[in-house]
Protein backbone atom coordinates (compact mmCIF):
# COMPACT_ATOMS: atom_id res chain seq x y z
CA UNK A 1 -2.91 -38.27 12.24
CA UNK A 2 -3.88 -35.83 14.22
CA UNK A 3 -5.19 -36.71 17.54
CA UNK A 4 -9.49 -37.23 18.11
CA UNK A 5 -9.12 -35.48 21.22
CA UNK A 6 -7.64 -32.53 19.70
CA UNK A 7 -10.10 -29.45 19.31
CA UNK A 8 -10.98 -28.49 15.93
CA UNK A 9 -8.15 -25.79 14.42
CA UNK A 10 -9.00 -21.78 14.98
CA UNK A 11 -9.70 -20.88 12.13
CA UNK A 12 -8.52 -16.43 12.09
CA UNK A 13 -8.92 -14.00 8.67
CA UNK A 14 -6.48 -11.77 7.34
CA UNK A 15 -4.83 -10.35 10.12
CA UNK A 16 -2.33 -7.74 7.84
CA UNK A 17 -0.75 -6.18 10.77
CA UNK A 18 -3.86 -5.35 12.76
CA UNK A 19 -2.69 -6.52 16.18
CA UNK A 20 -5.03 -4.87 19.05
CA UNK A 21 -8.39 -6.96 17.15
CA UNK A 22 -6.62 -9.76 17.26
CA UNK A 23 -5.55 -9.77 20.82
CA UNK A 24 -8.97 -8.92 21.40
CA UNK A 25 -10.57 -11.79 19.23
CA UNK A 26 -7.97 -14.34 21.12
CA UNK A 27 -9.59 -13.88 23.90
CA UNK A 28 -12.88 -12.99 22.70
CA UNK A 29 -13.49 -16.91 21.30
CA UNK A 30 -11.34 -18.28 24.48
CA UNK A 31 -9.43 -21.05 22.20
CA UNK A 32 -8.25 -23.78 24.79
CA UNK A 33 -4.22 -24.04 26.01
CA UNK A 34 -4.50 -26.98 22.90
CA UNK A 35 -6.83 -25.44 20.13
CA UNK A 36 -4.77 -25.84 17.34
CA UNK A 37 -4.21 -22.16 15.85
CA UNK A 38 -4.75 -21.54 11.59
CA UNK A 39 -3.65 -18.64 10.20
CA UNK A 40 -5.09 -17.90 6.11
CA UNK A 41 -2.20 -15.65 5.43
CA UNK A 42 -1.11 -11.99 4.97
CA UNK A 43 -0.35 -11.77 8.51
CA UNK A 44 1.63 -8.76 7.14
CA UNK A 45 1.10 -5.05 5.49
CA UNK A 46 -1.48 -2.47 5.89
CA UNK A 47 -2.00 -2.73 9.62
CA UNK A 48 -0.05 -0.66 12.03
CA UNK A 49 1.50 -3.67 13.92
CA UNK A 50 2.77 -5.48 11.28
CA UNK A 51 6.42 -6.77 13.23
CA UNK A 52 4.62 -7.46 16.34
CA UNK A 53 1.94 -9.25 15.32
CA UNK A 54 3.93 -11.03 13.10
CA UNK A 55 6.30 -11.84 16.58
CA UNK A 56 2.71 -12.65 18.25
CA UNK A 57 1.94 -15.99 15.14
CA UNK A 58 6.27 -16.72 15.73
CA UNK A 59 6.32 -17.10 19.11
CA UNK A 60 2.81 -19.41 19.08
CA UNK A 61 5.29 -22.17 18.10
CA UNK A 62 4.10 -25.75 16.67
CA UNK A 63 0.84 -24.64 17.45
CA UNK A 64 0.27 -22.57 14.69
CA UNK A 65 -0.36 -23.65 11.00
CA UNK A 66 0.27 -20.56 8.37
CA UNK A 67 -0.39 -20.27 4.78
CA UNK A 68 1.27 -17.73 2.70
CA UNK A 69 -0.31 -14.73 1.64
CA UNK A 70 0.53 -12.34 -0.78
CA UNK A 71 1.25 -9.78 1.34
CA UNK A 72 3.19 -12.19 2.81
CA UNK A 73 5.10 -13.41 -0.35
CA UNK A 74 5.60 -9.39 -1.31
CA UNK A 75 7.66 -9.43 1.91
CA UNK A 76 10.01 -11.63 0.61
CA UNK A 77 10.56 -9.22 -2.82
CA UNK A 78 11.22 -6.57 -0.67
CA UNK A 79 13.50 -7.66 1.26
CA UNK A 80 15.00 -9.37 -1.72
CA UNK A 81 15.49 -6.06 -3.52
CA UNK A 82 13.19 -7.87 -6.52
CA UNK A 83 10.54 -5.13 -5.33
CA UNK A 84 10.31 -1.32 -3.55
CA UNK A 85 7.59 -0.83 -0.79
CA UNK A 86 3.79 0.15 -2.33
CA UNK A 87 2.31 3.13 -0.89
CA UNK A 88 0.35 2.27 2.42
CA UNK A 89 2.96 -0.99 2.54
CA UNK A 90 4.02 -1.21 6.54
CA UNK A 91 6.75 -3.63 6.43
CA UNK A 92 9.37 -1.40 7.41
CA UNK A 93 9.96 -2.05 11.31
CA UNK A 94 10.41 -5.93 10.00
CA UNK A 95 12.80 -5.56 6.75
CA UNK A 96 14.74 -3.30 9.94
CA UNK A 97 14.86 -5.53 12.47
CA UNK A 98 17.01 -6.94 14.41
CA UNK A 99 16.42 -10.22 13.52
CA UNK A 100 15.19 -9.42 9.81
CA UNK A 101 17.00 -12.15 8.23
CA UNK A 102 15.01 -14.87 10.91
CA UNK A 103 11.59 -13.06 10.35
CA UNK A 104 11.87 -13.16 7.10
CA UNK A 105 13.54 -17.21 6.60
CA UNK A 106 10.17 -17.85 9.41
CA UNK A 107 7.99 -16.53 6.02
CA UNK A 108 9.66 -18.57 3.88
CA UNK A 109 9.59 -21.81 5.23
CA UNK A 110 5.75 -21.63 5.63
CA UNK A 111 3.67 -23.82 3.23
CA UNK A 112 1.08 -21.80 0.11
CA UNK A 113 -1.61 -24.94 1.21
CA UNK A 114 -2.71 -27.38 4.08
CA UNK A 115 -4.99 -30.14 4.90
CA UNK A 116 -6.55 -32.30 7.71
CA UNK A 117 -9.53 -33.85 8.94
CA UNK A 118 -10.80 -32.73 4.79
CA UNK A 119 -10.13 -29.13 5.55
CA UNK A 120 -8.17 -27.43 3.19
CA UNK A 121 -6.50 -24.27 3.74
CA UNK A 122 -5.42 -21.48 1.06
CA UNK A 123 -4.99 -17.65 0.76
CA UNK A 124 -7.24 -16.90 -2.26
CA UNK A 125 -8.45 -19.92 -3.92
CA UNK A 126 -8.76 -23.09 -5.92
CA UNK A 127 -8.51 -23.45 -9.89
CA UNK A 128 -11.45 -25.64 -10.21
CA UNK A 129 -9.38 -28.40 -12.34
CA UNK A 130 -7.79 -29.01 -8.90
CA UNK A 131 -8.01 -31.78 -6.51
CA UNK A 132 -6.83 -31.37 -3.22
CA UNK A 133 -3.76 -33.74 -3.73
CA UNK A 134 -2.87 -31.81 -6.96
CA UNK A 135 -3.15 -28.51 -4.72
CA UNK A 136 -1.47 -30.10 -2.40
CA UNK A 137 1.74 -31.42 -4.79
CA UNK A 138 1.31 -27.78 -6.36
CA UNK A 139 2.16 -25.37 -3.23
CA UNK A 140 4.72 -28.25 -2.15
CA UNK A 141 6.85 -27.41 -5.85
CA UNK A 142 6.60 -23.72 -4.63
CA UNK A 143 7.20 -24.27 -1.76
CA UNK A 144 10.96 -26.10 -1.86
CA UNK A 145 11.95 -23.59 -4.49
CA UNK A 146 11.10 -21.08 -1.25
CA UNK A 147 13.14 -23.31 0.58
CA UNK A 148 16.18 -23.35 -1.71
CA UNK A 149 19.27 -21.73 -1.42
CA UNK A 150 18.01 -20.01 -4.54
CA UNK A 151 14.53 -18.67 -3.17
CA UNK A 152 15.45 -15.35 -4.68
CA UNK A 153 14.98 -15.89 -8.05
CA UNK A 154 12.63 -18.29 -7.50
CA UNK A 155 10.54 -15.06 -6.08
CA UNK A 156 11.41 -13.02 -9.22
CA UNK A 157 10.01 -15.69 -11.67
CA UNK A 158 6.91 -15.41 -10.11
CA UNK A 159 5.47 -11.96 -11.30
CA UNK A 160 3.23 -11.62 -13.77
CA UNK A 161 -0.40 -12.94 -15.54
CA UNK A 162 0.90 -14.95 -18.11
CA UNK A 163 0.13 -18.25 -18.36
CA UNK A 164 -3.26 -17.74 -17.25
CA UNK A 165 -4.56 -21.33 -16.44
CA UNK A 166 -3.46 -24.37 -15.73
CA UNK A 167 -2.02 -26.63 -17.68
CA UNK A 168 -0.84 -30.25 -16.95
CA UNK A 169 2.68 -29.59 -19.26
CA UNK A 170 4.00 -26.01 -17.61
CA UNK A 171 6.83 -26.55 -16.71
CA UNK A 172 9.79 -25.08 -14.65
CA UNK A 173 9.14 -20.92 -13.88
CA UNK A 174 5.62 -20.71 -15.34
CA UNK A 175 4.14 -24.27 -13.56
CA UNK A 176 5.05 -22.58 -10.49
CA UNK A 177 4.28 -19.00 -11.26
CA UNK A 178 0.69 -20.28 -11.94
CA UNK A 179 0.50 -22.63 -8.63
CA UNK A 180 1.65 -18.48 -7.12
CA UNK A 181 -0.93 -16.80 -8.57
CA UNK A 182 -3.70 -18.86 -7.56
CA UNK A 183 -3.15 -20.04 -4.52
CA UNK A 184 -2.46 -16.25 -3.22
CA UNK A 185 -4.25 -14.22 -5.80
CA UNK A 186 -7.17 -15.89 -7.37
CA UNK A 187 -10.84 -14.34 -6.96
CA UNK A 188 -12.78 -14.93 -10.42
CA UNK A 189 -11.59 -17.37 -13.24
CA UNK A 190 -13.90 -18.99 -15.67
CA UNK A 191 -15.17 -22.36 -15.85
CA UNK A 192 -12.23 -23.69 -17.97
CA UNK A 193 -9.92 -21.86 -15.02
CA UNK A 194 -8.16 -19.02 -16.50
CA UNK A 195 -7.20 -16.57 -14.16
CA UNK A 196 -8.65 -12.61 -14.16
CA UNK A 197 -7.25 -10.00 -11.74
CA UNK A 198 -7.83 -6.96 -12.75
CA UNK A 199 -10.96 -7.12 -11.09
CA UNK A 200 -10.56 -6.74 -7.15
CA UNK A 201 -14.60 -5.61 -6.62
CA UNK A 202 -16.66 -8.57 -4.55
CA UNK A 203 -18.84 -11.58 -6.73
CA UNK A 204 -21.63 -8.41 -8.73
CA UNK A 205 -17.41 -7.21 -10.00
CA UNK A 206 -17.26 -10.50 -12.38
CA UNK A 207 -15.88 -9.91 -15.69
CA UNK A 208 -18.74 -11.86 -18.67
CA UNK A 209 -17.85 -15.08 -18.33
CA UNK A 210 -15.94 -15.45 -15.32
CA UNK A 211 -17.12 -15.96 -11.63
CA UNK A 212 -15.65 -16.47 -8.62
CA UNK A 213 -13.61 -19.64 -7.83
CA UNK A 214 -15.77 -21.35 -5.79
CA UNK A 215 -18.63 -20.89 -8.24
CA UNK A 216 -17.29 -23.18 -10.95
CA UNK A 217 -19.64 -26.11 -11.57
CA UNK A 218 -18.06 -29.58 -11.02
CA UNK A 219 -14.46 -27.88 -8.96
CA UNK A 220 -13.01 -30.85 -8.37
CA UNK A 221 -12.43 -29.53 -4.45
CA UNK A 222 -16.09 -29.69 -3.08
CA UNK A 223 -15.87 -32.70 -1.78
CA UNK A 224 -14.05 -30.84 0.88
CA UNK A 225 -14.71 -27.35 3.18
CA UNK A 226 -11.93 -25.01 1.75
CA UNK A 227 -11.12 -21.67 4.00
CA UNK A 228 -9.80 -19.07 3.06
CA UNK A 229 -9.17 -15.02 3.46
CA UNK A 230 -7.58 -12.70 0.61
CA UNK A 231 -11.18 -11.28 -0.33
CA UNK A 232 -11.89 -8.18 1.69
CA UNK A 233 -14.88 -7.49 -1.31
CA UNK A 234 -16.18 -10.97 -0.58
CA UNK A 235 -16.31 -10.57 2.78
CA UNK A 236 -17.47 -12.71 5.64
CA UNK A 237 -19.14 -15.92 3.55
CA UNK A 238 -20.30 -19.27 5.50
CA UNK A 239 -20.57 -22.91 3.62
CA UNK A 240 -20.30 -26.22 4.46
CA UNK A 241 -17.20 -26.30 1.54
CA UNK A 242 -16.16 -23.08 1.98
CA UNK A 243 -15.29 -20.33 4.20
CA UNK A 244 -13.94 -16.79 3.54
CA UNK A 245 -12.56 -14.78 6.83
CA UNK A 246 -11.10 -11.67 5.13
CA UNK A 247 -13.57 -9.52 6.78
CA UNK A 248 -11.69 -6.58 5.80
CA UNK A 249 -10.23 -5.49 9.54
CA UNK A 250 -7.18 -3.57 7.73
CA UNK A 251 -10.57 -1.13 5.85
CA UNK A 252 -12.53 -1.22 9.37
CA UNK A 253 -14.28 -3.79 9.68
CA UNK A 254 -13.90 -6.65 11.50
CA UNK A 255 -11.28 -9.33 12.06
CA UNK A 256 -12.59 -13.44 12.06
CA UNK A 257 -12.26 -16.30 12.66
CA UNK A 258 -14.30 -19.72 12.98
CA UNK A 259 -13.76 -22.88 15.26
CA UNK A 260 -13.51 -25.86 11.82
CA UNK A 261 -15.55 -28.22 14.10
CA UNK A 262 -16.78 -31.42 11.63
CA UNK A 263 -20.11 -31.25 11.54
CA UNK A 264 -20.49 -28.00 9.68
CA UNK A 265 -23.46 -27.44 12.30
CA UNK A 266 -21.03 -27.06 15.16
CA UNK A 267 -18.36 -24.55 13.59
CA UNK A 268 -18.48 -21.41 15.95
CA UNK A 269 -18.04 -18.21 14.37
CA UNK A 270 -15.74 -15.24 16.16
CA UNK A 271 -15.52 -12.00 15.52
CA UNK A 272 -14.53 -8.28 16.57
CA UNK A 273 -14.16 -4.73 15.51
CA UNK A 274 -11.31 -3.10 14.06
CA UNK A 275 -10.69 0.88 13.54
CA UNK A 276 -8.94 1.43 10.13
CA UNK A 277 -5.69 2.49 9.59
CA UNK A 278 -5.20 5.45 8.48
CA UNK A 279 -3.15 6.12 5.35
CA UNK A 280 0.15 6.78 5.22
């Protein structure tokens, strides 16, 4: 149970290795020393200071609550030898660090979903058929697999777009893959929860029959506030029940953070400008 005297959390959108904007945003938001700091995934990659940004967040200790994003998991895959870095990745400093193994272990022990005081934080989204209880159950299954000795085998099994929808009967790698894709990759899905991964544009880019996951009628997380990042083309979106905090810092736009009071009218947004990261 959270101490009622603890200030509401200050939640950050995708940092992606943009350390200078992150430090400026912390100064601008000026949280008290007992304010919890939450991060909606993608701490690293594409920005110019992935290693130092990661170290800054680790140094926050128990004050920081981090959920994993697709870029964080991509680092694990590269470190495990399952993937090669992509053009534009900024992972080399982390992989070459003297304590690289410790950094990788820290990342793979982070959660994929966090729920507290009516707020559900994930990196990308949730399927409309999932309520909070099921979302956390599935996230915990994947977390346990990523923390196990055979975590590299688990990672190798996660990549792929099929199955593209949730079924209660899913087991093994298929079940973990749907969880991974929903929590770290989803943007669009059908009313039945079939996911689509080819489009990363804004809501207007939805293919016929698809819609942003949070627009599905009867979504089973409508009764909580879902906070996420991942979708720079959507950008900052603030509703009582859904908040997207990926405002495209790594693309030269803004870095956003919001103090999430229980009453939506008392929530406070802080933003700073960002310089576009030069292409590598």
